[in-house]
């Protein structure tokens, strides 16, 4: 009668392999979920390209809420020389954040009446200045083609620190080349998630 031998039991190895695969899958799923959460919840920030020599001229580091920027801009408009003509001129500008985009509210006096323009743009910080790449516009709540918007903007005057590029459909805010009262501004970062701008000041 032949000898009967027990075969080694391999069930524990299979169980360990299944547990290992399950653990790896759980880690992958959790890791992916955390990554997507951080990607969605982290606010988009617009940072400037470095310009060390120019930045050194603005030694005072500060954080400006968008409301403070609006006050500075409005005071600049009030004290600027007359822009445009009596029948076509810029009468007000204010900014607010809408997600990762910047909303610019513009009041323009044109054809004997005040037009309220709302412009959506993607802000880009370049060596202390800000370039607004326009994406859409409205007039009194109705859609306005960008070509029509820039036709309107091209017919009015702007303060020296604002420049309209009709061909590229951009507006430049040249903060570094202008003094706002007793100081000038070097924009370092725009943080829409916190409604603020990080900047350097020069007195």
C-alpha atoms as a PDB file:
ATOM      1  CA  UNK A   1       0.000   0.000   0.000  1.00  0.00           C
ATOM      2  CA  UNK A   2       1.507   3.308  -1.077  1.00  0.00           C
ATOM      3  CA  UNK A   3       2.381   6.023   1.419  1.00  0.00           C
ATOM      4  CA  UNK A   4      -0.041   8.940   1.539  1.00  0.00           C
ATOM      5  CA  UNK A   5       1.550  12.372   1.801  1.00  0.00           C
ATOM      6  CA  UNK A   6      -0.258  15.583   2.679  1.00  0.00           C
ATOM      7  CA  UNK A   7       0.208  18.387   0.149  1.00  0.00           C
ATOM      8  CA  UNK A   8       1.284  21.726   1.619  1.00  0.00           C
ATOM      9  CA  UNK A   9      -1.690  23.999   2.151  1.00  0.00           C
ATOM     10  CA  UNK A  10      -1.444  27.048  -0.106  1.00  0.00           C
ATOM     11  CA  UNK A  11      -4.682  28.768   0.920  1.00  0.00           C
ATOM     12  CA  UNK A  12      -2.858  31.186   3.266  1.00  0.00           C
ATOM     13  CA  UNK A  13      -0.568  32.341   0.457  1.00  0.00           C
ATOM     14  CA  UNK A  14      -3.531  33.019  -1.795  1.00  0.00           C
ATOM     15  CA  UNK A  15      -5.260  34.916   0.990  1.00  0.00           C
ATOM     16  CA  UNK A  16      -2.160  37.037   1.615  1.00  0.00           C
ATOM     17  CA  UNK A  17      -1.872  37.804  -2.101  1.00  0.00           C
ATOM     18  CA  UNK A  18      -5.522  38.881  -2.254  1.00  0.00           C
ATOM     19  CA  UNK A  19      -5.082  41.101   0.802  1.00  0.00           C
ATOM     20  CA  UNK A  20      -1.959  42.680  -0.701  1.00  0.00           C
ATOM     21  CA  UNK A  21      -3.721  43.470  -3.983  1.00  0.00           C
ATOM     22  CA  UNK A  22      -6.710  44.880  -2.099  1.00  0.00           C
ATOM     23  CA  UNK A  23      -4.417  47.107   0.005  1.00  0.00           C
ATOM     24  CA  UNK A  24      -2.639  48.421  -3.083  1.00  0.00           C
ATOM     25  CA  UNK A  25      -5.966  49.209  -4.774  1.00  0.00           C
ATOM     26  CA  UNK A  26      -7.233  51.029  -1.678  1.00  0.00           C
ATOM     27  CA  UNK A  27      -4.067  53.116  -1.448  1.00  0.00           C
ATOM     28  CA  UNK A  28      -4.362  53.961  -5.157  1.00  0.00           C
ATOM     29  CA  UNK A  29      -8.031  54.983  -4.856  1.00  0.00           C
ATOM     30  CA  UNK A  30      -7.426  57.084  -1.728  1.00  0.00           C
ATOM     31  CA  UNK A  31      -4.350  58.711  -3.242  1.00  0.00           C
ATOM     32  CA  UNK A  32      -6.229  59.543  -6.432  1.00  0.00           C
ATOM     33  CA  UNK A  33      -9.120  60.999  -4.440  1.00  0.00           C
ATOM     34  CA  UNK A  34      -6.802  63.208  -2.363  1.00  0.00           C
ATOM     35  CA  UNK A  35      -5.024  64.419  -5.502  1.00  0.00           C
ATOM     36  CA  UNK A  36      -8.298  65.329  -7.239  1.00  0.00           C
ATOM     37  CA  UNK A  37      -9.596  67.059  -4.115  1.00  0.00           C
ATOM     38  CA  UNK A  38      -6.480  69.176  -3.756  1.00  0.00           C
ATOM     39  CA  UNK A  39      -6.477  69.961  -7.464  1.00  0.00           C
ATOM     40  CA  UNK A  40     -10.085  71.175  -7.362  1.00  0.00           C
ATOM     41  CA  UNK A  41     -10.042  72.892  -3.976  1.00  0.00           C
ATOM     42  CA  UNK A  42      -6.693  74.655  -4.320  1.00  0.00           C
ATOM     43  CA  UNK A  43      -7.385  78.186  -5.680  1.00  0.00           C
ATOM     44  CA  UNK A  44      -5.719  79.211  -8.887  1.00  0.00           C
ATOM     45  CA  UNK A  45      -2.944  81.727  -8.328  1.00  0.00           C
ATOM     46  CA  UNK A  46      -1.358  83.946 -10.915  1.00  0.00           C
ATOM     47  CA  UNK A  47       2.322  84.431 -10.155  1.00  0.00           C
ATOM     48  CA  UNK A  48       4.745  86.803 -11.741  1.00  0.00           C
ATOM     49  CA  UNK A  49       7.839  85.846 -13.685  1.00  0.00           C
ATOM     50  CA  UNK A  50      10.921  86.777 -11.640  1.00  0.00           C
ATOM     51  CA  UNK A  51      12.663  90.089 -12.241  1.00  0.00           C
ATOM     52  CA  UNK A  52      15.061  90.441  -9.256  1.00  0.00           C
ATOM     53  CA  UNK A  53      16.549  93.823 -10.193  1.00  0.00           C
ATOM     54  CA  UNK A  54      13.132  95.424 -10.641  1.00  0.00           C
ATOM     55  CA  UNK A  55      11.625  93.758  -7.579  1.00  0.00           C
ATOM     56  CA  UNK A  56      14.439  95.125  -5.411  1.00  0.00           C
ATOM     57  CA  UNK A  57      13.114  98.620  -6.062  1.00  0.00           C
ATOM     58  CA  UNK A  58       9.898  97.711  -4.196  1.00  0.00           C
ATOM     59  CA  UNK A  59      11.124  96.754  -0.706  1.00  0.00           C
ATOM     60  CA  UNK A  60       7.826  96.966   1.197  1.00  0.00           C
ATOM     61  CA  UNK A  61       5.903  93.691   1.037  1.00  0.00           C
ATOM     62  CA  UNK A  62       2.118  93.957   1.433  1.00  0.00           C
ATOM     63  CA  UNK A  63      -1.147  92.177   0.695  1.00  0.00           C
ATOM     64  CA  UNK A  64      -3.888  94.275  -0.891  1.00  0.00           C
ATOM     65  CA  UNK A  65      -7.524  93.142  -0.792  1.00  0.00           C
ATOM     66  CA  UNK A  66      -9.327  93.763  -4.081  1.00  0.00           C
ATOM     67  CA  UNK A  67     -11.367  96.501  -2.357  1.00  0.00           C
ATOM     68  CA  UNK A  68      -8.155  98.444  -1.642  1.00  0.00           C
ATOM     69  CA  UNK A  69      -7.080  98.074  -5.275  1.00  0.00           C
ATOM     70  CA  UNK A  70     -10.445  99.496  -6.358  1.00  0.00           C
ATOM     71  CA  UNK A  71      -9.959 102.520  -4.088  1.00  0.00           C
ATOM     72  CA  UNK A  72      -6.488 103.156  -5.522  1.00  0.00           C
ATOM     73  CA  UNK A  73      -7.772 102.872  -9.094  1.00  0.00           C
ATOM     74  CA  UNK A  74     -10.768 105.145  -8.466  1.00  0.00           C
ATOM     75  CA  UNK A  75      -8.595 107.817  -6.838  1.00  0.00           C
ATOM     76  CA  UNK A  76      -6.232 107.638  -9.805  1.00  0.00           C
ATOM     77  CA  UNK A  77      -9.131 108.158 -12.223  1.00  0.00           C
ATOM     78  CA  UNK A  78     -10.411 111.142 -10.229  1.00  0.00           C
ATOM     79  CA  UNK A  79      -7.029 112.866 -10.144  1.00  0.00           C
ATOM     80  CA  UNK A  80      -5.990 112.023 -13.731  1.00  0.00           C
ATOM     81  CA  UNK A  81      -6.192 114.678 -16.448  1.00  0.00           C
ATOM     82  CA  UNK A  82      -9.356 114.714 -18.546  1.00  0.00           C
ATOM     83  CA  UNK A  83      -9.364 111.619 -20.746  1.00  0.00           C
ATOM     84  CA  UNK A  84     -11.128 111.292 -24.054  1.00  0.00           C
ATOM     85  CA  UNK A  85     -13.703 113.937 -24.971  1.00  0.00           C
ATOM     86  CA  UNK A  86     -16.808 115.376 -23.344  1.00  0.00           C
ATOM     87  CA  UNK A  87     -18.890 112.945 -25.427  1.00  0.00           C
ATOM     88  CA  UNK A  88     -16.738 109.819 -24.927  1.00  0.00           C
ATOM     89  CA  UNK A  89     -14.756 109.114 -21.777  1.00  0.00           C
ATOM     90  CA  UNK A  90     -14.068 106.589 -19.034  1.00  0.00           C
ATOM     91  CA  UNK A  91     -15.988 107.357 -15.844  1.00  0.00           C
ATOM     92  CA  UNK A  92     -15.302 104.367 -13.578  1.00  0.00           C
ATOM     93  CA  UNK A  93     -13.463 101.055 -13.190  1.00  0.00           C
ATOM     94  CA  UNK A  94     -13.678  98.394 -10.483  1.00  0.00           C
ATOM     95  CA  UNK A  95     -12.482  94.814 -10.166  1.00  0.00           C
ATOM     96  CA  UNK A  96     -13.790  91.642  -8.558  1.00  0.00           C
ATOM     97  CA  UNK A  97     -12.852  87.979  -8.755  1.00  0.00           C
ATOM     98  CA  UNK A  98     -15.047  85.346 -10.361  1.00  0.00           C
ATOM     99  CA  UNK A  99     -13.339  82.011  -9.841  1.00  0.00           C
ATOM    100  CA  UNK A 100      -9.968  82.071 -11.596  1.00  0.00           C
ATOM    101  CA  UNK A 101     -11.047  85.008 -13.752  1.00  0.00           C
ATOM    102  CA  UNK A 102     -11.056  88.717 -13.069  1.00  0.00           C
ATOM    103  CA  UNK A 103     -14.283  90.646 -13.620  1.00  0.00           C
ATOM    104  CA  UNK A 104     -13.790  94.276 -14.624  1.00  0.00           C
ATOM    105  CA  UNK A 105     -16.768  96.595 -14.283  1.00  0.00           C
ATOM    106  CA  UNK A 106     -16.339  99.601 -16.559  1.00  0.00           C
ATOM    107  CA  UNK A 107     -18.500 102.711 -16.800  1.00  0.00           C
ATOM    108  CA  UNK A 108     -18.137 104.498 -20.115  1.00  0.00           C
ATOM    109  CA  UNK A 109     -19.850 107.754 -21.105  1.00  0.00           C
ATOM    110  CA  UNK A 110     -20.613 107.401 -24.799  1.00  0.00           C
ATOM    111  CA  UNK A 111     -23.224 108.901 -27.141  1.00  0.00           C
ATOM    112  CA  UNK A 112     -24.752 110.984 -24.361  1.00  0.00           C
ATOM    113  CA  UNK A 113     -25.316 108.123 -21.927  1.00  0.00           C
ATOM    114  CA  UNK A 114     -23.408 105.944 -19.467  1.00  0.00           C
ATOM    115  CA  UNK A 115     -22.794 102.351 -20.557  1.00  0.00           C
ATOM    116  CA  UNK A 116     -22.116  99.660 -17.959  1.00  0.00           C
ATOM    117  CA  UNK A 117     -19.670  97.086 -19.301  1.00  0.00           C
ATOM    118  CA  UNK A 118     -18.722  93.879 -17.535  1.00  0.00           C
ATOM    119  CA  UNK A 119     -15.627  92.183 -18.878  1.00  0.00           C
ATOM    120  CA  UNK A 120     -14.259  88.728 -18.002  1.00  0.00           C
ATOM    121  CA  UNK A 121     -10.532  88.190 -18.360  1.00  0.00           C
ATOM    122  CA  UNK A 122      -7.639  85.945 -17.376  1.00  0.00           C
ATOM    123  CA  UNK A 123      -5.044  88.022 -15.494  1.00  0.00           C
ATOM    124  CA  UNK A 124      -1.349  87.429 -16.149  1.00  0.00           C
ATOM    125  CA  UNK A 125       1.333  88.987 -13.954  1.00  0.00           C
ATOM    126  CA  UNK A 126       4.416  90.054 -15.910  1.00  0.00           C
ATOM    127  CA  UNK A 127       7.313  91.845 -14.184  1.00  0.00           C
ATOM    128  CA  UNK A 128       5.075  93.699 -11.758  1.00  0.00           C
ATOM    129  CA  UNK A 129       2.411  94.669 -14.277  1.00  0.00           C
ATOM    130  CA  UNK A 130      -0.849  92.885 -15.111  1.00  0.00           C
ATOM    131  CA  UNK A 131      -2.078  91.847 -18.543  1.00  0.00           C
ATOM    132  CA  UNK A 132      -5.788  91.087 -18.899  1.00  0.00           C
ATOM    133  CA  UNK A 133      -6.582  88.572 -21.635  1.00  0.00           C
ATOM    134  CA  UNK A 134     -10.238  89.214 -22.412  1.00  0.00           C
ATOM    135  CA  UNK A 135     -12.550  86.193 -22.677  1.00  0.00           C
ATOM    136  CA  UNK A 136     -16.086  87.661 -22.783  1.00  0.00           C
ATOM    137  CA  UNK A 137     -18.059  90.860 -22.218  1.00  0.00           C
ATOM    138  CA  UNK A 138     -21.539  92.159 -21.506  1.00  0.00           C
ATOM    139  CA  UNK A 139     -23.209  95.555 -21.825  1.00  0.00           C
ATOM    140  CA  UNK A 140     -26.111  96.187 -19.452  1.00  0.00           C
ATOM    141  CA  UNK A 141     -26.440  92.399 -19.013  1.00  0.00           C
ATOM    142  CA  UNK A 142     -26.461  91.528 -22.729  1.00  0.00           C
ATOM    143  CA  UNK A 143     -23.591  89.666 -24.474  1.00  0.00           C
ATOM    144  CA  UNK A 144     -21.143  91.928 -26.279  1.00  0.00           C
ATOM    145  CA  UNK A 145     -18.683  90.578 -28.901  1.00  0.00           C
ATOM    146  CA  UNK A 146     -15.060  91.311 -28.048  1.00  0.00           C
ATOM    147  CA  UNK A 147     -14.591  93.119 -31.379  1.00  0.00           C
ATOM    148  CA  UNK A 148     -17.386  95.531 -30.382  1.00  0.00           C
ATOM    149  CA  UNK A 149     -15.924  95.890 -26.886  1.00  0.00           C
ATOM    150  CA  UNK A 150     -12.543  96.928 -28.227  1.00  0.00           C
ATOM    151  CA  UNK A 151     -14.143  99.305 -30.706  1.00  0.00           C
ATOM    152  CA  UNK A 152     -15.736 101.038 -27.718  1.00  0.00           C
ATOM    153  CA  UNK A 153     -12.530 100.982 -25.659  1.00  0.00           C
ATOM    154  CA  UNK A 154     -10.570 102.321 -28.631  1.00  0.00           C
ATOM    155  CA  UNK A 155     -12.800 105.379 -28.839  1.00  0.00           C
ATOM    156  CA  UNK A 156     -12.225 106.633 -25.281  1.00  0.00           C
ATOM    157  CA  UNK A 157      -9.232 107.847 -23.310  1.00  0.00           C
ATOM    158  CA  UNK A 158      -7.455 105.985 -20.512  1.00  0.00           C
ATOM    159  CA  UNK A 159      -5.075 107.013 -17.722  1.00  0.00           C
ATOM    160  CA  UNK A 160      -1.380 106.564 -18.588  1.00  0.00           C
ATOM    161  CA  UNK A 161      -1.066 103.335 -16.601  1.00  0.00           C
ATOM    162  CA  UNK A 162      -3.773 101.588 -18.682  1.00  0.00           C
ATOM    163  CA  UNK A 163      -3.159 100.509 -22.278  1.00  0.00           C
ATOM    164  CA  UNK A 164      -5.592  98.854 -24.689  1.00  0.00           C
ATOM    165  CA  UNK A 165      -4.235  96.436 -27.307  1.00  0.00           C
ATOM    166  CA  UNK A 166      -7.087  96.045 -29.774  1.00  0.00           C
ATOM    167  CA  UNK A 167      -5.232  93.612 -32.030  1.00  0.00           C
ATOM    168  CA  UNK A 168      -4.445  91.136 -29.239  1.00  0.00           C
ATOM    169  CA  UNK A 169      -7.688  91.885 -27.341  1.00  0.00           C
ATOM    170  CA  UNK A 170      -5.772  92.664 -24.175  1.00  0.00           C
ATOM    171  CA  UNK A 171      -5.651  95.440 -21.599  1.00  0.00           C
ATOM    172  CA  UNK A 172      -2.415  96.214 -19.783  1.00  0.00           C
ATOM    173  CA  UNK A 173      -2.258  97.658 -16.279  1.00  0.00           C
ATOM    174  CA  UNK A 174       1.211  99.217 -16.008  1.00  0.00           C
ATOM    175  CA  UNK A 175       1.457  99.581 -12.246  1.00  0.00           C
ATOM    176  CA  UNK A 176       5.261  99.768 -12.187  1.00  0.00           C
ATOM    177  CA  UNK A 177       5.391 102.797 -14.498  1.00  0.00           C
ATOM    178  CA  UNK A 178       3.003 104.980 -12.520  1.00  0.00           C
ATOM    179  CA  UNK A 179       2.839 106.516  -9.064  1.00  0.00           C
ATOM    180  CA  UNK A 180      -0.426 106.224  -7.153  1.00  0.00           C
ATOM    181  CA  UNK A 181      -0.212 109.156  -4.784  1.00  0.00           C
ATOM    182  CA  UNK A 182       3.007 108.703  -2.798  1.00  0.00           C
ATOM    183  CA  UNK A 183       3.847 105.152  -3.882  1.00  0.00           C
ATOM    184  CA  UNK A 184       4.110 102.822  -6.847  1.00  0.00           C
ATOM    185  CA  UNK A 185       3.141  99.152  -7.018  1.00  0.00           C
ATOM    186  CA  UNK A 186       4.862  95.975  -8.168  1.00  0.00           C
ATOM    187  CA  UNK A 187       2.331  93.124  -8.414  1.00  0.00           C
ATOM    188  CA  UNK A 188       3.868  89.806  -7.367  1.00  0.00           C
ATOM    189  CA  UNK A 189       0.902  87.454  -7.192  1.00  0.00           C
ATOM    190  CA  UNK A 190      -2.852  87.474  -7.764  1.00  0.00           C
ATOM    191  CA  UNK A 191      -4.786  85.140  -5.474  1.00  0.00           C
ATOM    192  CA  UNK A 192      -8.453  84.953  -6.593  1.00  0.00           C
ATOM    193  CA  UNK A 193      -9.261  82.382  -3.918  1.00  0.00           C
ATOM    194  CA  UNK A 194      -8.596  84.950  -1.180  1.00  0.00           C
ATOM    195  CA  UNK A 195      -9.698  88.084  -3.063  1.00  0.00           C
ATOM    196  CA  UNK A 196      -6.304  89.702  -2.745  1.00  0.00           C
ATOM    197  CA  UNK A 197      -3.128  90.734  -4.500  1.00  0.00           C
ATOM    198  CA  UNK A 198       0.377  90.356  -3.080  1.00  0.00           C
ATOM    199  CA  UNK A 199       2.534  93.297  -4.058  1.00  0.00           C
ATOM    200  CA  UNK A 200       5.669  95.265  -3.357  1.00  0.00           C
ATOM    201  CA  UNK A 201       5.494  99.003  -2.697  1.00  0.00           C
ATOM    202  CA  UNK A 202       7.990 101.752  -3.364  1.00  0.00           C
ATOM    203  CA  UNK A 203       7.598 105.056  -1.512  1.00  0.00           C
END
